[in-house]
C-alpha atoms as a PDB file:
ATOM      1  CA  MET A   1     110.813  15.132 -33.126  1.00  0.00           C
ATOM      2  CA  GLU A   2     114.597  15.131 -33.416  1.00  0.00           C
ATOM      3  CA  ILE A   3     116.356  18.465 -33.018  1.00  0.00           C
ATOM      4  CA  ILE A   4     119.920  19.757 -32.722  1.00  0.00           C
ATOM      5  CA  LEU A   5     120.510  22.216 -29.888  1.00  0.00           C
ATOM      6  CA  LYS A   6     122.286  25.467 -30.766  1.00  0.00           C
ATOM      7  CA  GLU A   7     122.856  26.472 -27.106  1.00  0.00           C
ATOM      8  CA  ASP A   8     123.130  24.813 -23.696  1.00  0.00           C
ATOM      9  CA  ILE A   9     119.674  24.449 -22.167  1.00  0.00           C
ATOM     10  CA  GLU A  10     119.402  23.491 -18.517  1.00  0.00           C
ATOM     11  CA  LYS A  11     117.778  20.079 -17.907  1.00  0.00           C
ATOM     12  CA  LEU A  12     117.537  19.434 -21.652  1.00  0.00           C
ATOM     13  CA  GLY A  13     121.019  19.203 -23.126  1.00  0.00           C
ATOM     14  CA  TYR A  14     124.186  20.891 -24.300  1.00  0.00           C
ATOM     15  CA  LYS A  15     125.075  22.678 -27.519  1.00  0.00           C
ATOM     16  CA  ASP A  16     125.226  20.361 -30.568  1.00  0.00           C
ATOM     17  CA  ASP A  17     123.377  17.527 -28.801  1.00  0.00           C
ATOM     18  CA  LEU A  18     120.952  15.539 -30.937  1.00  0.00           C
ATOM     19  CA  ILE A  19     117.854  15.050 -28.795  1.00  0.00           C
ATOM     20  CA  THR A  20     114.224  14.044 -29.158  1.00  0.00           C
ATOM     21  CA  VAL A  21     111.513  16.345 -27.805  1.00  0.00           C
ATOM     22  CA  LYS A  22     107.780  16.660 -28.276  1.00  0.00           C
ATOM     23  CA  PRO A  23     106.899  18.349 -31.600  1.00  0.00           C
ATOM     24  CA  GLY A  24     104.965  21.209 -29.984  1.00  0.00           C
ATOM     25  CA  TYR A  25     107.872  22.125 -27.703  1.00  0.00           C
ATOM     26  CA  ALA A  26     110.238  22.170 -30.669  1.00  0.00           C
ATOM     27  CA  ARG A  27     107.982  24.059 -33.100  1.00  0.00           C
ATOM     28  CA  ASN A  28     106.505  26.546 -30.650  1.00  0.00           C
ATOM     29  CA  PHE A  29     109.438  27.342 -28.387  1.00  0.00           C
ATOM     30  CA  LEU A  30     112.888  25.977 -29.232  1.00  0.00           C
ATOM     31  CA  ILE A  31     113.020  26.691 -32.967  1.00  0.00           C
ATOM     32  CA  PRO A  32     111.401  30.190 -32.898  1.00  0.00           C
ATOM     33  CA  GLN A  33     113.692  31.237 -30.015  1.00  0.00           C
ATOM     34  CA  GLY A  34     116.729  30.158 -32.055  1.00  0.00           C
ATOM     35  CA  LEU A  35     117.708  27.528 -29.484  1.00  0.00           C
ATOM     36  CA  ALA A  36     117.444  24.553 -31.841  1.00  0.00           C
ATOM     37  CA  ILE A  37     117.123  23.435 -35.451  1.00  0.00           C
ATOM     38  CA  ILE A  38     115.305  20.455 -36.972  1.00  0.00           C
ATOM     39  CA  ALA A  39     117.595  17.447 -37.377  1.00  0.00           C
ATOM     40  CA  THR A  40     117.326  16.738 -41.110  1.00  0.00           C
ATOM     41  CA  PRO A  41     119.734  14.226 -42.692  1.00  0.00           C
ATOM     42  CA  SER A  42     121.865  17.046 -44.122  1.00  0.00           C
ATOM     43  CA  GLN A  43     121.968  18.858 -40.747  1.00  0.00           C
ATOM     44  CA  LYS A  44     123.053  15.586 -39.099  1.00  0.00           C
ATOM     45  CA  LYS A  45     125.955  15.299 -41.554  1.00  0.00           C
ATOM     46  CA  VAL A  46     127.007  18.897 -40.869  1.00  0.00           C
ATOM     47  CA  LEU A  47     126.791  18.219 -37.125  1.00  0.00           C
ATOM     48  CA  ALA A  48     128.926  15.066 -37.432  1.00  0.00           C
ATOM     49  CA  GLU A  49     131.613  16.970 -39.352  1.00  0.00           C
ATOM     50  CA  ASN A  50     131.615  19.840 -36.840  1.00  0.00           C
ATOM     51  CA  LEU A  51     131.881  17.451 -33.892  1.00  0.00           C
ATOM     52  CA  LYS A  52     134.747  15.610 -35.576  1.00  0.00           C
ATOM     53  CA  GLN A  53     136.669  18.859 -36.051  1.00  0.00           C
ATOM     54  CA  ARG A  54     135.882  20.066 -32.548  1.00  0.00           C
ATOM     55  CA  SER A  55     136.821  16.855 -30.679  1.00  0.00           C
ATOM     56  CA  HIS A  56     140.444  17.935 -30.156  1.00  0.00           C
ATOM     57  CA  LYS A  57     139.395  21.278 -28.665  1.00  0.00           C
ATOM     58  CA  GLU A  58     136.894  19.491 -26.405  1.00  0.00           C
ATOM     59  CA  GLU A  59     139.617  17.252 -24.986  1.00  0.00           C
ATOM     60  CA  LYS A  60     141.729  20.306 -24.206  1.00  0.00           C
ATOM     61  CA  LEU A  61     138.783  22.033 -22.464  1.00  0.00           C
ATOM     62  CA  LYS A  62     138.027  18.877 -20.508  1.00  0.00           C
ATOM     63  CA  ALA A  63     141.643  18.630 -19.323  1.00  0.00           C
ATOM     64  CA  GLU A  64     141.546  22.271 -18.182  1.00  0.00           C
ATOM     65  CA  ALA A  65     138.275  21.613 -16.333  1.00  0.00           C
ATOM     66  CA  GLU A  66     139.828  18.607 -14.571  1.00  0.00           C
ATOM     67  CA  LYS A  67     142.793  20.751 -13.472  1.00  0.00           C
ATOM     68  CA  MET A  68     140.399  23.402 -12.177  1.00  0.00           C
ATOM     69  CA  ALA A  69     138.377  20.753 -10.313  1.00  0.00           C
ATOM     70  CA  GLU A  70     141.530  19.447  -8.653  1.00  0.00           C
ATOM     71  CA  ALA A  71     142.649  22.948  -7.645  1.00  0.00           C
ATOM     72  CA  LEU A  72     139.165  23.856  -6.370  1.00  0.00           C
ATOM     73  CA  SER A  73     139.035  20.784  -4.146  1.00  0.00           C
ATOM     74  CA  LYS A  74     142.218  21.951  -2.385  1.00  0.00           C
ATOM     75  CA  LYS A  75     140.909  25.469  -1.707  1.00  0.00           C
ATOM     76  CA  THR A  76     138.642  26.476   1.141  1.00  0.00           C
ATOM     77  CA  ILE A  77     136.165  29.087   0.018  1.00  0.00           C
ATOM     78  CA  LYS A  78     135.064  31.528   2.712  1.00  0.00           C
ATOM     79  CA  ILE A  79     132.085  33.831   2.414  1.00  0.00           C
ATOM     80  CA  GLY A  80     131.719  36.695   4.863  1.00  0.00           C
ATOM     81  CA  ALA A  81     128.255  37.660   6.048  1.00  0.00           C
ATOM     82  CA  LYS A  82     126.866  40.009   8.653  1.00  0.00           C
ATOM     83  CA  VAL A  83     125.847  37.955  11.654  1.00  0.00           C
ATOM     84  CA  GLY A  84     123.289  38.659  14.346  1.00  0.00           C
ATOM     85  CA  GLU A  85     122.897  36.842  17.617  1.00  0.00           C
ATOM     86  CA  ASN A  86     122.917  33.017  17.740  1.00  0.00           C
ATOM     87  CA  GLY A  87     124.996  32.789  14.533  1.00  0.00           C
ATOM     88  CA  LYS A  88     122.086  33.713  12.291  1.00  0.00           C
ATOM     89  CA  ILE A  89     123.021  35.850   9.292  1.00  0.00           C
ATOM     90  CA  PHE A  90     121.065  38.762   7.889  1.00  0.00           C
ATOM     91  CA  GLY A  91     119.570  37.645   4.587  1.00  0.00           C
ATOM     92  CA  SER A  92     120.961  34.472   3.036  1.00  0.00           C
ATOM     93  CA  VAL A  93     123.971  33.292   1.063  1.00  0.00           C
ATOM     94  CA  ASN A  94     123.257  32.585  -2.608  1.00  0.00           C
ATOM     95  CA  THR A  95     125.103  31.501  -5.746  1.00  0.00           C
ATOM     96  CA  ILE A  96     126.072  35.079  -6.640  1.00  0.00           C
ATOM     97  CA  GLN A  97     128.042  35.498  -3.417  1.00  0.00           C
ATOM     98  CA  LEU A  98     129.575  32.033  -3.839  1.00  0.00           C
ATOM     99  CA  ALA A  99     130.620  32.814  -7.431  1.00  0.00           C
ATOM    100  CA  ASP A 100     132.220  36.069  -6.239  1.00  0.00           C
ATOM    101  CA  ALA A 101     134.111  34.208  -3.479  1.00  0.00           C
ATOM    102  CA  ILE A 102     135.326  31.588  -5.968  1.00  0.00           C
ATOM    103  CA  GLU A 103     136.464  34.364  -8.319  1.00  0.00           C
ATOM    104  CA  ALA A 104     138.339  36.006  -5.436  1.00  0.00           C
ATOM    105  CA  ALA A 105     140.106  32.664  -4.922  1.00  0.00           C
ATOM    106  CA  GLY A 106     141.337  32.820  -8.511  1.00  0.00           C
ATOM    107  CA  PHE A 107     138.782  30.791 -10.488  1.00  0.00           C
ATOM    108  CA  THR A 108     136.152  32.066 -12.898  1.00  0.00           C
ATOM    109  CA  ILE A 109     132.870  30.145 -12.787  1.00  0.00           C
ATOM    110  CA  ASP A 110     129.486  31.342 -14.007  1.00  0.00           C
ATOM    111  CA  ARG A 111     126.964  31.505 -11.160  1.00  0.00           C
ATOM    112  CA  LYS A 112     124.427  29.605 -13.268  1.00  0.00           C
ATOM    113  CA  ARG A 113     126.686  26.566 -13.103  1.00  0.00           C
ATOM    114  CA  ILE A 114     126.633  26.528  -9.284  1.00  0.00           C
ATOM    115  CA  THR A 115     123.973  24.747  -7.240  1.00  0.00           C
ATOM    116  CA  ILE A 116     123.928  25.114  -3.458  1.00  0.00           C
ATOM    117  CA  LYS A 117     122.676  21.888  -1.895  1.00  0.00           C
ATOM    118  CA  ASN A 118     121.170  23.231   1.357  1.00  0.00           C
ATOM    119  CA  GLU A 119     119.477  26.391   0.156  1.00  0.00           C
ATOM    120  CA  PRO A 120     118.644  28.772   1.736  1.00  0.00           C
ATOM    121  CA  ILE A 121     121.723  29.293   3.896  1.00  0.00           C
ATOM    122  CA  LYS A 122     120.852  31.412   6.922  1.00  0.00           C
ATOM    123  CA  GLN A 123     123.399  30.190   9.496  1.00  0.00           C
ATOM    124  CA  ILE A 124     127.183  30.345   9.702  1.00  0.00           C
ATOM    125  CA  GLY A 125     128.879  27.013   9.076  1.00  0.00           C
ATOM    126  CA  VAL A 126     130.279  24.701   6.405  1.00  0.00           C
ATOM    127  CA  TYR A 127     128.130  23.847   3.387  1.00  0.00           C
ATOM    128  CA  GLU A 128     128.419  22.056   0.050  1.00  0.00           C
ATOM    129  CA  ALA A 129     127.771  23.249  -3.478  1.00  0.00           C
ATOM    130  CA  GLU A 130     127.861  21.471  -6.803  1.00  0.00           C
ATOM    131  CA  VAL A 131     129.807  23.168  -9.604  1.00  0.00           C
ATOM    132  CA  VAL A 132     129.530  22.120 -13.263  1.00  0.00           C
ATOM    133  CA  LEU A 133     132.937  22.813 -14.811  1.00  0.00           C
ATOM    134  CA  HIS A 134     132.364  20.914 -18.057  1.00  0.00           C
ATOM    135  CA  LYS A 135     129.410  18.936 -19.352  1.00  0.00           C
ATOM    136  CA  GLU A 136     131.130  15.754 -18.134  1.00  0.00           C
ATOM    137  CA  ILE A 137     132.801  17.166 -15.003  1.00  0.00           C
ATOM    138  CA  THR A 138     130.809  18.123 -11.925  1.00  0.00           C
ATOM    139  CA  LYS A 139     132.624  18.849  -8.668  1.00  0.00           C
ATOM    140  CA  THR A 140     131.241  19.132  -5.149  1.00  0.00           C
ATOM    141  CA  ILE A 141     133.046  21.848  -3.217  1.00  0.00           C
ATOM    142  CA  ASN A 142     132.886  22.842   0.418  1.00  0.00           C
ATOM    143  CA  PHE A 143     132.547  26.452   1.460  1.00  0.00           C
ATOM    144  CA  GLU A 144     132.331  28.135   4.803  1.00  0.00           C
ATOM    145  CA  VAL A 145     130.075  30.991   5.799  1.00  0.00           C
ATOM    146  CA  VAL A 146     131.821  33.130   8.446  1.00  0.00           C
ATOM    147  CA  GLY A 147     130.688  36.151  10.378  1.00  0.00           C
ATOM    148  CA  GLU A 148     132.136  39.585   9.686  1.00  0.00           C
END
């Protein structure tokens, strides 16, 4: 069944994507939740017109995301954590703390768009995280967990 997404859905697609899903998933979950609409010929025409009008704005957003990716790659993000003996931290570092550290560095990124590669982080050291800045731009950043 062809549907048009009304919101970004992780591992499925982005807003205004035309995708094919199983009919039960569409009828029982996506459409009742208001996350998608059925892709009728008239809805496809409306979608095409909206995408045509929005293409200029998308290019501007993509350029801003590329600038942010370039600036992020030059920054070193440091996250402070309470450390016990042997460099082991109390608890673990998660995407919320990483998003706060990135915001302190001057960038605003939603924590849901951050994926830490070596989760869970329970030692001090340098780690990598993947940040989705735009649906076409994903940047791998390095961050350091330091003891306080």
